[in-house]
């Protein structure tokens, strides 16, 4: 009689263990069955989102729409570069030919009344090394960001960085020209960097610090290259400003951080969103007034 009672007392524990084993097996089957696309989306969520938002993303994850913005803008930049390279081949990787300087897309301080140049300069690049660096960075970072946050958010951050770069350059380095998409690339990097810093304990802790260090290394190398072109290069003609890198990064660490940290939230109800928007508009108005009334260019 006592043995029967002991067996009855043990049965619930055995059932619980069997249930856990069964669920574990089902979970493994489920992971194995998600396919390559599902595994890719899972990796994207681990790199781009804190842990508490990954399950929500995986429930909605799909490739419709695909990352159209970042791919389209990259193809456009590559097409413009090829056009000028074929029209007037460049002798070196970092050689600015007359075709680039005379382009209606390049930002030039003496032609700043042509307002489209404050945006269109992102399509023109100084050489192979310049465009390859920008394309690699914006594709590697931009495609996962757009899969998670979609094209509108990524496009807004990217263009905010481009515009911030040219306006800041017109104020702090008013006699220098601008080419390249570094302002937009740095905005994406700045937004992701801030999100990784704030949530690094949840965004794959071991690799979180590694990602931050990699971004700092890339930024340091690229800014150093820009400073070299601006102050040490012996190239004749206009000098290319480096200010767009810094201004794009600042735009990313403010506006980009708000966009990229607000997954599954309503931006219009986030006070940080309005604070960043108002601050950006104030800076925009100041830059416009400076260029109209105070610029030495």
C-alpha atoms as a PDB file:
ATOM      1  CA  UNK A   1       0.000   0.000   0.000  1.00  0.00           C
ATOM      2  CA  UNK A   2       2.834   2.367   0.861  1.00  0.00           C
ATOM      3  CA  UNK A   3       4.642   1.511  -2.405  1.00  0.00           C
ATOM      4  CA  UNK A   4       1.510   2.362  -4.382  1.00  0.00           C
ATOM      5  CA  UNK A   5       1.289   5.801  -2.715  1.00  0.00           C
ATOM      6  CA  UNK A   6       4.973   6.494  -3.469  1.00  0.00           C
ATOM      7  CA  UNK A   7       4.493   5.609  -7.121  1.00  0.00           C
ATOM      8  CA  UNK A   8       1.457   7.863  -7.345  1.00  0.00           C
ATOM      9  CA  UNK A   9       3.466  10.684  -5.827  1.00  0.00           C
ATOM     10  CA  UNK A  10       6.269  10.213  -8.339  1.00  0.00           C
ATOM     11  CA  UNK A  11       4.074  10.015 -11.418  1.00  0.00           C
ATOM     12  CA  UNK A  12       3.393  13.801 -11.690  1.00  0.00           C
ATOM     13  CA  UNK A  13       7.124  14.534 -11.657  1.00  0.00           C
ATOM     14  CA  UNK A  14       7.755  11.962 -14.335  1.00  0.00           C
ATOM     15  CA  UNK A  15       4.966  13.433 -16.429  1.00  0.00           C
ATOM     16  CA  UNK A  16       6.467  16.901 -16.078  1.00  0.00           C
ATOM     17  CA  UNK A  17       9.888  15.686 -17.171  1.00  0.00           C
ATOM     18  CA  UNK A  18       8.395  13.907 -20.156  1.00  0.00           C
ATOM     19  CA  UNK A  19       6.452  17.044 -21.065  1.00  0.00           C
ATOM     20  CA  UNK A  20       9.601  19.151 -20.969  1.00  0.00           C
ATOM     21  CA  UNK A  21      11.458  16.663 -23.146  1.00  0.00           C
ATOM     22  CA  UNK A  22       8.556  16.569 -25.585  1.00  0.00           C
ATOM     23  CA  UNK A  23       8.379  20.370 -25.811  1.00  0.00           C
ATOM     24  CA  UNK A  24      12.111  20.615 -26.260  1.00  0.00           C
ATOM     25  CA  UNK A  25      11.938  18.171 -29.122  1.00  0.00           C
ATOM     26  CA  UNK A  26       9.090  20.082 -30.722  1.00  0.00           C
ATOM     27  CA  UNK A  27      11.017  23.325 -30.310  1.00  0.00           C
ATOM     28  CA  UNK A  28      14.039  21.834 -32.029  1.00  0.00           C
ATOM     29  CA  UNK A  29      11.863  20.578 -34.851  1.00  0.00           C
ATOM     30  CA  UNK A  30      10.290  24.027 -35.154  1.00  0.00           C
ATOM     31  CA  UNK A  31      13.676  25.748 -35.367  1.00  0.00           C
ATOM     32  CA  UNK A  32      14.908  23.182 -37.872  1.00  0.00           C
ATOM     33  CA  UNK A  33      11.785  23.677 -39.939  1.00  0.00           C
ATOM     34  CA  UNK A  34      11.845  27.419 -40.349  1.00  0.00           C
ATOM     35  CA  UNK A  35      14.119  27.226 -43.356  1.00  0.00           C
ATOM     36  CA  UNK A  36      16.893  29.516 -44.540  1.00  0.00           C
ATOM     37  CA  UNK A  37      14.664  32.597 -44.702  1.00  0.00           C
ATOM     38  CA  UNK A  38      13.463  32.084 -41.154  1.00  0.00           C
ATOM     39  CA  UNK A  39      16.991  31.550 -39.871  1.00  0.00           C
ATOM     40  CA  UNK A  40      18.128  34.698 -41.654  1.00  0.00           C
ATOM     41  CA  UNK A  41      15.270  36.690 -40.118  1.00  0.00           C
ATOM     42  CA  UNK A  42      16.147  35.259 -36.726  1.00  0.00           C
ATOM     43  CA  UNK A  43      19.759  36.395 -37.135  1.00  0.00           C
ATOM     44  CA  UNK A  44      18.567  39.856 -38.206  1.00  0.00           C
ATOM     45  CA  UNK A  45      16.398  40.142 -35.112  1.00  0.00           C
ATOM     46  CA  UNK A  46      19.334  39.180 -32.864  1.00  0.00           C
ATOM     47  CA  UNK A  47      21.554  41.817 -34.445  1.00  0.00           C
ATOM     48  CA  UNK A  48      19.008  44.625 -34.704  1.00  0.00           C
ATOM     49  CA  UNK A  49      16.612  44.285 -31.767  1.00  0.00           C
ATOM     50  CA  UNK A  50      16.749  43.818 -28.000  1.00  0.00           C
ATOM     51  CA  UNK A  51      15.557  40.457 -26.727  1.00  0.00           C
ATOM     52  CA  UNK A  52      12.069  41.549 -25.658  1.00  0.00           C
ATOM     53  CA  UNK A  53      11.156  42.629 -29.226  1.00  0.00           C
ATOM     54  CA  UNK A  54      12.486  39.667 -31.186  1.00  0.00           C
ATOM     55  CA  UNK A  55       9.436  37.438 -30.818  1.00  0.00           C
ATOM     56  CA  UNK A  56       7.186  40.241 -32.094  1.00  0.00           C
ATOM     57  CA  UNK A  57       9.441  40.746 -35.095  1.00  0.00           C
ATOM     58  CA  UNK A  58       9.580  37.025 -35.889  1.00  0.00           C
ATOM     59  CA  UNK A  59       5.773  36.838 -35.878  1.00  0.00           C
ATOM     60  CA  UNK A  60       5.621  39.572 -38.522  1.00  0.00           C
ATOM     61  CA  UNK A  61       8.885  38.884 -40.361  1.00  0.00           C
ATOM     62  CA  UNK A  62       8.691  38.675 -44.124  1.00  0.00           C
ATOM     63  CA  UNK A  63      10.472  40.117 -47.124  1.00  0.00           C
ATOM     64  CA  UNK A  64       7.450  42.029 -48.391  1.00  0.00           C
ATOM     65  CA  UNK A  65       8.237  44.727 -49.076  1.00  0.00           C
ATOM     66  CA  UNK A  66      11.913  43.956 -49.659  1.00  0.00           C
ATOM     67  CA  UNK A  67      14.550  46.529 -48.642  1.00  0.00           C
ATOM     68  CA  UNK A  68      13.779  48.699 -51.676  1.00  0.00           C
ATOM     69  CA  UNK A  69      15.108  52.039 -50.442  1.00  0.00           C
ATOM     70  CA  UNK A  70      18.657  51.096 -49.549  1.00  0.00           C
ATOM     71  CA  UNK A  71      19.098  48.910 -52.646  1.00  0.00           C
ATOM     72  CA  UNK A  72      17.661  51.575 -54.963  1.00  0.00           C
ATOM     73  CA  UNK A  73      19.780  54.378 -53.529  1.00  0.00           C
ATOM     74  CA  UNK A  74      22.894  52.188 -53.740  1.00  0.00           C
ATOM     75  CA  UNK A  75      22.236  51.319 -57.390  1.00  0.00           C
ATOM     76  CA  UNK A  76      21.648  54.998 -58.200  1.00  0.00           C
ATOM     77  CA  UNK A  77      24.938  56.006 -56.571  1.00  0.00           C
ATOM     78  CA  UNK A  78      26.780  53.243 -58.416  1.00  0.00           C
ATOM     79  CA  UNK A  79      25.190  54.252 -61.730  1.00  0.00           C
ATOM     80  CA  UNK A  80      26.248  57.903 -61.306  1.00  0.00           C
ATOM     81  CA  UNK A  81      29.782  56.842 -60.406  1.00  0.00           C
ATOM     82  CA  UNK A  82      30.035  54.576 -63.473  1.00  0.00           C
ATOM     83  CA  UNK A  83      28.695  57.381 -65.681  1.00  0.00           C
ATOM     84  CA  UNK A  84      31.416  59.811 -64.612  1.00  0.00           C
ATOM     85  CA  UNK A  85      34.119  57.128 -64.593  1.00  0.00           C
ATOM     86  CA  UNK A  86      33.319  56.201 -68.209  1.00  0.00           C
ATOM     87  CA  UNK A  87      32.896  59.802 -69.329  1.00  0.00           C
ATOM     88  CA  UNK A  88      36.170  60.966 -67.773  1.00  0.00           C
ATOM     89  CA  UNK A  89      38.156  58.017 -66.411  1.00  0.00           C
ATOM     90  CA  UNK A  90      39.901  58.648 -63.121  1.00  0.00           C
ATOM     91  CA  UNK A  91      43.653  58.063 -62.972  1.00  0.00           C
ATOM     92  CA  UNK A  92      43.689  57.201 -59.270  1.00  0.00           C
ATOM     93  CA  UNK A  93      41.287  55.975 -56.643  1.00  0.00           C
ATOM     94  CA  UNK A  94      41.152  59.403 -55.043  1.00  0.00           C
ATOM     95  CA  UNK A  95      41.174  61.757 -58.006  1.00  0.00           C
ATOM     96  CA  UNK A  96      38.447  64.323 -58.544  1.00  0.00           C
ATOM     97  CA  UNK A  97      38.132  64.981 -62.256  1.00  0.00           C
ATOM     98  CA  UNK A  98      36.617  68.036 -63.906  1.00  0.00           C
ATOM     99  CA  UNK A  99      33.538  66.015 -64.745  1.00  0.00           C
ATOM    100  CA  UNK A 100      32.755  65.543 -61.050  1.00  0.00           C
ATOM    101  CA  UNK A 101      33.425  69.171 -60.139  1.00  0.00           C
ATOM    102  CA  UNK A 102      31.199  70.398 -62.963  1.00  0.00           C
ATOM    103  CA  UNK A 103      28.450  67.934 -62.148  1.00  0.00           C
ATOM    104  CA  UNK A 104      25.054  69.465 -61.360  1.00  0.00           C
ATOM    105  CA  UNK A 105      24.888  67.029 -58.448  1.00  0.00           C
ATOM    106  CA  UNK A 106      28.051  68.020 -56.537  1.00  0.00           C
ATOM    107  CA  UNK A 107      27.641  70.464 -53.652  1.00  0.00           C
ATOM    108  CA  UNK A 108      29.745  73.547 -54.348  1.00  0.00           C
ATOM    109  CA  UNK A 109      29.746  76.575 -52.045  1.00  0.00           C
ATOM    110  CA  UNK A 110      29.704  78.994 -54.987  1.00  0.00           C
ATOM    111  CA  UNK A 111      26.561  77.312 -56.331  1.00  0.00           C
ATOM    112  CA  UNK A 112      24.722  76.727 -53.065  1.00  0.00           C
ATOM    113  CA  UNK A 113      21.735  78.756 -54.291  1.00  0.00           C
ATOM    114  CA  UNK A 114      20.929  75.619 -56.306  1.00  0.00           C
ATOM    115  CA  UNK A 115      19.222  74.027 -53.334  1.00  0.00           C
ATOM    116  CA  UNK A 116      19.049  70.485 -54.732  1.00  0.00           C
ATOM    117  CA  UNK A 117      22.828  70.201 -54.357  1.00  0.00           C
ATOM    118  CA  UNK A 118      22.395  69.965 -50.574  1.00  0.00           C
ATOM    119  CA  UNK A 119      20.904  66.494 -51.208  1.00  0.00           C
ATOM    120  CA  UNK A 120      22.158  65.405 -54.633  1.00  0.00           C
ATOM    121  CA  UNK A 121      25.839  65.425 -53.665  1.00  0.00           C
ATOM    122  CA  UNK A 122      25.308  61.977 -52.146  1.00  0.00           C
ATOM    123  CA  UNK A 123      25.228  60.466 -55.657  1.00  0.00           C
ATOM    124  CA  UNK A 124      28.748  61.640 -56.600  1.00  0.00           C
ATOM    125  CA  UNK A 125      31.876  59.978 -55.200  1.00  0.00           C
ATOM    126  CA  UNK A 126      35.551  60.857 -55.224  1.00  0.00           C
ATOM    127  CA  UNK A 127      36.849  57.491 -56.396  1.00  0.00           C
ATOM    128  CA  UNK A 128      36.584  53.709 -56.256  1.00  0.00           C
ATOM    129  CA  UNK A 129      37.694  53.498 -52.647  1.00  0.00           C
ATOM    130  CA  UNK A 130      35.204  56.184 -51.639  1.00  0.00           C
ATOM    131  CA  UNK A 131      32.126  54.631 -53.236  1.00  0.00           C
ATOM    132  CA  UNK A 132      33.011  51.044 -52.332  1.00  0.00           C
ATOM    133  CA  UNK A 133      33.375  51.971 -48.673  1.00  0.00           C
ATOM    134  CA  UNK A 134      30.013  53.718 -48.618  1.00  0.00           C
ATOM    135  CA  UNK A 135      28.187  51.012 -50.566  1.00  0.00           C
ATOM    136  CA  UNK A 136      29.528  48.159 -48.459  1.00  0.00           C
ATOM    137  CA  UNK A 137      28.622  49.883 -45.203  1.00  0.00           C
ATOM    138  CA  UNK A 138      25.145  51.011 -46.206  1.00  0.00           C
ATOM    139  CA  UNK A 139      24.231  47.634 -47.689  1.00  0.00           C
ATOM    140  CA  UNK A 140      25.558  45.576 -44.788  1.00  0.00           C
ATOM    141  CA  UNK A 141      23.835  47.789 -42.239  1.00  0.00           C
ATOM    142  CA  UNK A 142      20.970  49.245 -44.252  1.00  0.00           C
ATOM    143  CA  UNK A 143      19.405  46.008 -45.510  1.00  0.00           C
ATOM    144  CA  UNK A 144      18.947  44.460 -42.029  1.00  0.00           C
ATOM    145  CA  UNK A 145      17.733  47.805 -40.669  1.00  0.00           C
ATOM    146  CA  UNK A 146      15.187  48.098 -43.459  1.00  0.00           C
ATOM    147  CA  UNK A 147      13.987  44.527 -42.969  1.00  0.00           C
ATOM    148  CA  UNK A 148      13.219  45.392 -39.352  1.00  0.00           C
ATOM    149  CA  UNK A 149      12.153  49.040 -39.573  1.00  0.00           C
ATOM    150  CA  UNK A 150      11.011  49.228 -43.220  1.00  0.00           C
ATOM    151  CA  UNK A 151      11.962  51.726 -45.893  1.00  0.00           C
ATOM    152  CA  UNK A 152      10.263  54.871 -44.595  1.00  0.00           C
ATOM    153  CA  UNK A 153      12.153  54.943 -41.314  1.00  0.00           C
ATOM    154  CA  UNK A 154      15.501  54.026 -42.876  1.00  0.00           C
ATOM    155  CA  UNK A 155      14.969  56.531 -45.701  1.00  0.00           C
ATOM    156  CA  UNK A 156      14.117  59.337 -43.292  1.00  0.00           C
ATOM    157  CA  UNK A 157      17.222  58.689 -41.200  1.00  0.00           C
ATOM    158  CA  UNK A 158      19.450  58.376 -44.260  1.00  0.00           C
ATOM    159  CA  UNK A 159      18.228  61.591 -45.892  1.00  0.00           C
ATOM    160  CA  UNK A 160      18.291  63.441 -42.566  1.00  0.00           C
ATOM    161  CA  UNK A 161      21.984  62.559 -42.326  1.00  0.00           C
ATOM    162  CA  UNK A 162      22.669  63.664 -45.907  1.00  0.00           C
ATOM    163  CA  UNK A 163      20.958  67.037 -45.410  1.00  0.00           C
ATOM    164  CA  UNK A 164      22.538  67.552 -41.988  1.00  0.00           C
ATOM    165  CA  UNK A 165      25.948  66.857 -43.515  1.00  0.00           C
ATOM    166  CA  UNK A 166      25.686  69.477 -46.253  1.00  0.00           C
ATOM    167  CA  UNK A 167      24.130  72.136 -44.023  1.00  0.00           C
ATOM    168  CA  UNK A 168      26.720  71.635 -41.289  1.00  0.00           C
ATOM    169  CA  UNK A 169      29.502  71.754 -43.868  1.00  0.00           C
ATOM    170  CA  UNK A 170      28.128  75.022 -45.262  1.00  0.00           C
ATOM    171  CA  UNK A 171      28.433  76.530 -41.761  1.00  0.00           C
ATOM    172  CA  UNK A 172      31.623  75.040 -40.300  1.00  0.00           C
ATOM    173  CA  UNK A 173      33.591  74.525 -43.525  1.00  0.00           C
ATOM    174  CA  UNK A 174      31.889  76.981 -45.874  1.00  0.00           C
ATOM    175  CA  UNK A 175      34.535  77.083 -48.618  1.00  0.00           C
ATOM    176  CA  UNK A 176      34.708  73.328 -49.184  1.00  0.00           C
ATOM    177  CA  UNK A 177      32.779  71.160 -51.626  1.00  0.00           C
ATOM    178  CA  UNK A 178      30.958  67.943 -50.843  1.00  0.00           C
ATOM    179  CA  UNK A 179      30.675  64.590 -52.600  1.00  0.00           C
ATOM    180  CA  UNK A 180      29.639  61.184 -51.338  1.00  0.00           C
ATOM    181  CA  UNK A 181      26.919  59.565 -49.258  1.00  0.00           C
ATOM    182  CA  UNK A 182      28.892  59.534 -46.016  1.00  0.00           C
ATOM    183  CA  UNK A 183      26.314  61.722 -44.248  1.00  0.00           C
ATOM    184  CA  UNK A 184      23.595  59.136 -44.858  1.00  0.00           C
ATOM    185  CA  UNK A 185      25.837  56.182 -44.063  1.00  0.00           C
ATOM    186  CA  UNK A 186      26.962  57.762 -40.816  1.00  0.00           C
ATOM    187  CA  UNK A 187      23.351  58.478 -39.879  1.00  0.00           C
ATOM    188  CA  UNK A 188      22.546  54.762 -40.169  1.00  0.00           C
ATOM    189  CA  UNK A 189      25.664  53.885 -38.214  1.00  0.00           C
ATOM    190  CA  UNK A 190      24.922  56.506 -35.552  1.00  0.00           C
ATOM    191  CA  UNK A 191      21.358  55.278 -35.028  1.00  0.00           C
ATOM    192  CA  UNK A 192      22.429  51.649 -34.815  1.00  0.00           C
ATOM    193  CA  UNK A 193      25.399  52.533 -32.602  1.00  0.00           C
ATOM    194  CA  UNK A 194      23.223  54.303 -30.028  1.00  0.00           C
ATOM    195  CA  UNK A 195      20.704  51.469 -30.036  1.00  0.00           C
ATOM    196  CA  UNK A 196      23.507  48.928 -29.522  1.00  0.00           C
ATOM    197  CA  UNK A 197      25.049  51.000 -26.717  1.00  0.00           C
ATOM    198  CA  UNK A 198      21.764  51.437 -24.853  1.00  0.00           C
ATOM    199  CA  UNK A 199      20.720  47.783 -25.275  1.00  0.00           C
ATOM    200  CA  UNK A 200      24.085  46.058 -25.547  1.00  0.00           C
ATOM    201  CA  UNK A 201      23.298  43.679 -22.651  1.00  0.00           C
ATOM    202  CA  UNK A 202      20.315  42.342 -24.588  1.00  0.00           C
ATOM    203  CA  UNK A 203      21.628  42.550 -28.153  1.00  0.00           C
ATOM    204  CA  UNK A 204      23.926  39.514 -27.957  1.00  0.00           C
ATOM    205  CA  UNK A 205      26.159  40.730 -25.080  1.00  0.00           C
ATOM    206  CA  UNK A 206      29.437  39.219 -26.255  1.00  0.00           C
ATOM    207  CA  UNK A 207      29.059  40.499 -29.792  1.00  0.00           C
ATOM    208  CA  UNK A 208      27.439  43.756 -28.671  1.00  0.00           C
ATOM    209  CA  UNK A 209      30.756  45.169 -27.502  1.00  0.00           C
ATOM    210  CA  UNK A 210      32.464  43.717 -30.588  1.00  0.00           C
ATOM    211  CA  UNK A 211      29.990  45.502 -32.874  1.00  0.00           C
ATOM    212  CA  UNK A 212      30.517  48.795 -31.073  1.00  0.00           C
ATOM    213  CA  UNK A 213      34.295  48.443 -31.411  1.00  0.00           C
ATOM    214  CA  UNK A 214      33.991  47.569 -35.114  1.00  0.00           C
ATOM    215  CA  UNK A 215      31.854  50.649 -35.754  1.00  0.00           C
ATOM    216  CA  UNK A 216      34.351  52.843 -33.902  1.00  0.00           C
ATOM    217  CA  UNK A 217      37.206  51.344 -35.939  1.00  0.00           C
ATOM    218  CA  UNK A 218      35.423  51.936 -39.250  1.00  0.00           C
ATOM    219  CA  UNK A 219      34.444  55.471 -38.273  1.00  0.00           C
ATOM    220  CA  UNK A 220      37.962  56.298 -37.117  1.00  0.00           C
ATOM    221  CA  UNK A 221      39.501  54.991 -40.346  1.00  0.00           C
ATOM    222  CA  UNK A 222      37.017  56.752 -42.601  1.00  0.00           C
ATOM    223  CA  UNK A 223      37.190  60.083 -40.768  1.00  0.00           C
ATOM    224  CA  UNK A 224      40.986  59.861 -40.816  1.00  0.00           C
ATOM    225  CA  UNK A 225      40.861  59.328 -44.582  1.00  0.00           C
ATOM    226  CA  UNK A 226      38.526  62.328 -44.948  1.00  0.00           C
ATOM    227  CA  UNK A 227      40.810  64.497 -42.817  1.00  0.00           C
ATOM    228  CA  UNK A 228      43.750  63.466 -44.980  1.00  0.00           C
ATOM    229  CA  UNK A 229      41.933  64.474 -48.149  1.00  0.00           C
ATOM    230  CA  UNK A 230      40.909  67.769 -46.561  1.00  0.00           C
ATOM    231  CA  UNK A 231      44.170  68.934 -44.970  1.00  0.00           C
ATOM    232  CA  UNK A 232      47.130  66.854 -46.199  1.00  0.00           C
ATOM    233  CA  UNK A 233      46.353  65.874 -49.776  1.00  0.00           C
ATOM    234  CA  UNK A 234      48.236  67.746 -52.519  1.00  0.00           C
ATOM    235  CA  UNK A 235      45.385  67.503 -55.000  1.00  0.00           C
ATOM    236  CA  UNK A 236      44.626  70.693 -56.861  1.00  0.00           C
ATOM    237  CA  UNK A 237      41.215  72.281 -56.900  1.00  0.00           C
ATOM    238  CA  UNK A 238      38.516  72.427 -54.281  1.00  0.00           C
ATOM    239  CA  UNK A 239      38.915  70.602 -51.001  1.00  0.00           C
ATOM    240  CA  UNK A 240      36.305  68.084 -49.900  1.00  0.00           C
ATOM    241  CA  UNK A 241      34.778  68.739 -46.491  1.00  0.00           C
ATOM    242  CA  UNK A 242      34.830  66.154 -43.707  1.00  0.00           C
ATOM    243  CA  UNK A 243      32.103  67.822 -41.635  1.00  0.00           C
ATOM    244  CA  UNK A 244      29.339  65.753 -43.271  1.00  0.00           C
ATOM    245  CA  UNK A 245      30.660  62.632 -41.536  1.00  0.00           C
ATOM    246  CA  UNK A 246      30.298  64.193 -38.101  1.00  0.00           C
ATOM    247  CA  UNK A 247      26.954  65.867 -38.763  1.00  0.00           C
ATOM    248  CA  UNK A 248      25.510  62.678 -40.269  1.00  0.00           C
ATOM    249  CA  UNK A 249      26.613  60.709 -37.227  1.00  0.00           C
ATOM    250  CA  UNK A 250      25.010  63.245 -34.874  1.00  0.00           C
ATOM    251  CA  UNK A 251      21.762  63.099 -36.867  1.00  0.00           C
ATOM    252  CA  UNK A 252      21.838  59.324 -36.616  1.00  0.00           C
ATOM    253  CA  UNK A 253      22.508  59.298 -32.879  1.00  0.00           C
ATOM    254  CA  UNK A 254      19.464  61.524 -32.328  1.00  0.00           C
ATOM    255  CA  UNK A 255      16.805  61.020 -34.999  1.00  0.00           C
ATOM    256  CA  UNK A 256      18.146  57.601 -36.002  1.00  0.00           C
ATOM    257  CA  UNK A 257      18.201  56.348 -32.433  1.00  0.00           C
ATOM    258  CA  UNK A 258      14.587  57.414 -31.894  1.00  0.00           C
ATOM    259  CA  UNK A 259      13.450  55.641 -35.071  1.00  0.00           C
ATOM    260  CA  UNK A 260      15.475  52.465 -34.521  1.00  0.00           C
ATOM    261  CA  UNK A 261      14.656  52.123 -30.814  1.00  0.00           C
ATOM    262  CA  UNK A 262      10.909  52.597 -31.316  1.00  0.00           C
ATOM    263  CA  UNK A 263      10.104  49.273 -32.963  1.00  0.00           C
ATOM    264  CA  UNK A 264       6.480  48.295 -32.375  1.00  0.00           C
ATOM    265  CA  UNK A 265       5.769  51.717 -30.844  1.00  0.00           C
ATOM    266  CA  UNK A 266       3.888  54.759 -32.101  1.00  0.00           C
ATOM    267  CA  UNK A 267       6.420  57.475 -32.861  1.00  0.00           C
ATOM    268  CA  UNK A 268       3.881  60.286 -32.667  1.00  0.00           C
ATOM    269  CA  UNK A 269       3.303  59.461 -29.000  1.00  0.00           C
ATOM    270  CA  UNK A 270       7.016  59.368 -28.183  1.00  0.00           C
ATOM    271  CA  UNK A 271       8.238  62.716 -26.719  1.00  0.00           C
ATOM    272  CA  UNK A 272      11.779  61.911 -27.888  1.00  0.00           C
ATOM    273  CA  UNK A 273      10.538  61.944 -31.464  1.00  0.00           C
ATOM    274  CA  UNK A 274       9.103  65.448 -31.163  1.00  0.00           C
ATOM    275  CA  UNK A 275      12.173  66.691 -29.316  1.00  0.00           C
ATOM    276  CA  UNK A 276      14.451  65.463 -32.113  1.00  0.00           C
ATOM    277  CA  UNK A 277      12.175  66.768 -34.876  1.00  0.00           C
ATOM    278  CA  UNK A 278      11.918  70.238 -33.304  1.00  0.00           C
ATOM    279  CA  UNK A 279      15.678  70.329 -32.719  1.00  0.00           C
ATOM    280  CA  UNK A 280      16.365  69.281 -36.311  1.00  0.00           C
ATOM    281  CA  UNK A 281      13.984  71.903 -37.717  1.00  0.00           C
ATOM    282  CA  UNK A 282      15.555  74.633 -35.571  1.00  0.00           C
ATOM    283  CA  UNK A 283      19.026  73.684 -36.830  1.00  0.00           C
ATOM    284  CA  UNK A 284      17.700  73.540 -40.395  1.00  0.00           C
ATOM    285  CA  UNK A 285      16.230  77.047 -40.183  1.00  0.00           C
ATOM    286  CA  UNK A 286      19.433  78.412 -38.651  1.00  0.00           C
ATOM    287  CA  UNK A 287      21.535  76.839 -41.420  1.00  0.00           C
ATOM    288  CA  UNK A 288      19.291  78.259 -44.148  1.00  0.00           C
ATOM    289  CA  UNK A 289      19.437  81.750 -42.637  1.00  0.00           C
ATOM    290  CA  UNK A 290      23.212  81.461 -42.228  1.00  0.00           C
ATOM    291  CA  UNK A 291      23.640  80.573 -45.900  1.00  0.00           C
ATOM    292  CA  UNK A 292      21.435  83.461 -46.986  1.00  0.00           C
ATOM    293  CA  UNK A 293      22.809  86.237 -44.802  1.00  0.00           C
ATOM    294  CA  UNK A 294      26.106  85.254 -43.137  1.00  0.00           C
ATOM    295  CA  UNK A 295      28.024  82.746 -45.257  1.00  0.00           C
ATOM    296  CA  UNK A 296      31.487  83.921 -46.421  1.00  0.00           C
ATOM    297  CA  UNK A 297      31.289  81.676 -49.486  1.00  0.00           C
END
